[in-house]
Amino acid sequence: MEPGLPEGAWVLVGRPATGGPRLGQLVVVEHPQRAQFELIKRVSAVSRERSLVWVAGDNRGASTDSEDFGPLRLDSVRGVVLARVRPLPWRWLRPDPRRLG
C-alpha cells in the first residue's frame, strides 16, 4: 500500500477525543525506543480495557510500527491528524471550469 501522506507533508494535529483514537485514524505517537522521535501512524486496533493501541504504517514494507515495538499505551498518543495542510490535495489545485469567467 502506498503511504497515506507524502514525505515532507504538513499536517494539522489536534488532541485525541476523550475516549481515545478510533480505528483507522492517523495519530502522532512517540517512538517507544527513541525519545523525542515522533511517528505518524494509522490506528489498527484499540484495547480500551488494557489502555493499549496498535499502530501500523500505510507502507507496510518500509514501516516501523507495532509489529516492531508492540502495542503502545493510549496515553502515548500525542495527537490525531485532522487535515493535511501541505501539499494541498490535487483537487484543490485544479480550477473549477464553472468558476472561470
Protein backbone atom coordinates (compact mmCIF):
# COMPACT_ATOMS: atom_id res chain seq x y z
CA MET A 1 0.00 0.00 0.00
CA GLU A 2 1.25 3.50 -0.76
CA PRO A 3 1.89 5.90 2.12
CA GLY A 4 -1.16 7.92 3.19
CA LEU A 5 0.95 11.07 3.50
CA PRO A 6 3.71 12.07 1.10
CA GLU A 7 7.17 12.63 2.56
CA GLY A 8 7.50 16.16 3.92
CA ALA A 9 3.74 16.68 4.27
CA TRP A 10 2.48 19.22 6.77
CA VAL A 11 -0.48 18.17 8.91
CA LEU A 12 -2.81 19.83 11.38
CA VAL A 13 -2.82 17.89 14.64
CA GLY A 14 -5.41 18.08 17.42
CA ARG A 15 -5.91 16.43 20.77
CA PRO A 16 -7.37 12.94 20.84
CA ALA A 17 -11.03 12.68 21.81
CA THR A 18 -11.86 11.79 25.40
CA GLY A 19 -12.37 8.12 24.52
CA GLY A 20 -9.07 7.96 22.65
CA PRO A 21 -8.32 7.45 18.98
CA ARG A 22 -10.60 5.48 16.65
CA LEU A 23 -9.73 2.66 14.28
CA GLY A 24 -8.26 3.90 11.02
CA GLN A 25 -7.42 7.33 12.41
CA LEU A 26 -3.96 8.81 11.80
CA VAL A 27 -2.22 9.56 15.09
CA VAL A 28 1.04 11.09 16.27
CA VAL A 29 2.91 8.86 18.73
CA GLU A 30 6.35 9.00 20.29
CA HIS A 31 8.62 6.15 19.25
CA PRO A 32 8.91 3.95 22.39
CA GLN A 33 12.65 3.35 21.91
CA ARG A 34 13.71 6.81 20.67
CA ALA A 35 12.83 9.71 22.93
CA GLN A 36 11.53 12.86 21.21
CA PHE A 37 11.11 10.99 17.87
CA GLU A 38 7.51 11.21 16.69
CA LEU A 39 5.77 8.95 14.20
CA ILE A 40 2.53 9.38 12.27
CA LYS A 41 0.78 6.02 12.05
CA ARG A 42 -2.70 4.61 11.49
CA VAL A 43 -4.57 3.01 14.40
CA SER A 44 -5.07 -0.68 13.59
CA ALA A 45 -6.51 -1.87 16.94
CA VAL A 46 -7.55 -0.41 20.29
CA SER A 47 -7.99 -2.16 23.64
CA ARG A 48 -9.78 0.25 25.96
CA GLU A 49 -9.79 -2.33 28.79
CA ARG A 50 -6.00 -2.53 28.77
CA SER A 51 -5.45 1.04 27.56
CA LEU A 52 -3.42 -0.11 24.56
CA VAL A 53 -3.31 0.94 20.93
CA TRP A 54 -1.71 -0.83 17.96
CA VAL A 55 -0.43 1.35 15.16
CA ALA A 56 0.58 0.42 11.62
CA GLY A 57 2.25 2.27 8.81
CA ASP A 58 0.48 2.55 5.46
CA ASN A 59 3.64 1.43 3.65
CA ARG A 60 3.96 -1.99 5.29
CA GLY A 61 7.25 -2.95 3.63
CA ALA A 62 9.14 0.11 4.89
CA SER A 63 7.41 0.98 8.15
CA THR A 64 8.33 0.91 11.81
CA ASP A 65 5.17 0.23 13.77
CA SER A 66 3.59 -2.03 16.41
CA GLU A 67 4.88 -5.11 14.58
CA ASP A 68 8.37 -3.91 15.55
CA PHE A 69 7.84 -2.42 19.01
CA GLY A 70 4.49 -3.84 20.15
CA PRO A 71 1.37 -2.09 21.39
CA LEU A 72 1.55 1.40 22.88
CA ARG A 73 -0.22 2.83 25.89
CA LEU A 74 -3.19 5.03 24.97
CA ASP A 75 -1.59 7.96 26.77
CA SER A 76 1.37 7.78 24.37
CA VAL A 77 -0.86 9.12 21.60
CA ARG A 78 0.15 12.78 21.40
CA GLY A 79 -2.44 13.84 18.86
CA VAL A 80 -4.66 12.94 15.93
CA VAL A 81 -4.22 14.19 12.39
CA LEU A 82 -7.12 16.46 11.49
CA ALA A 83 -6.07 17.58 8.00
CA ARG A 84 -3.21 17.64 5.55
CA VAL A 85 -2.05 21.22 5.01
CA ARG A 86 0.81 20.80 2.54
CA PRO A 87 0.93 19.70 -0.17
CA LEU A 88 -2.69 20.58 -0.86
CA PRO A 89 -4.84 17.79 -2.26
CA TRP A 90 -4.67 17.92 -6.08
CA ARG A 91 -8.40 18.63 -6.46
CA TRP A 92 -7.92 21.95 -4.65
CA LEU A 93 -5.28 22.98 -7.17
CA ARG A 94 -7.30 22.20 -10.29
CA PRO A 95 -9.53 25.13 -11.32
CA ASP A 96 -13.25 24.53 -11.48
CA PRO A 97 -14.41 25.38 -15.04
CA ARG A 98 -17.78 26.59 -13.71
CA ARG A 99 -16.00 29.34 -11.78
CA LEU A 100 -13.92 30.60 -14.67
CA GLY A 101 -15.27 33.68 -16.47
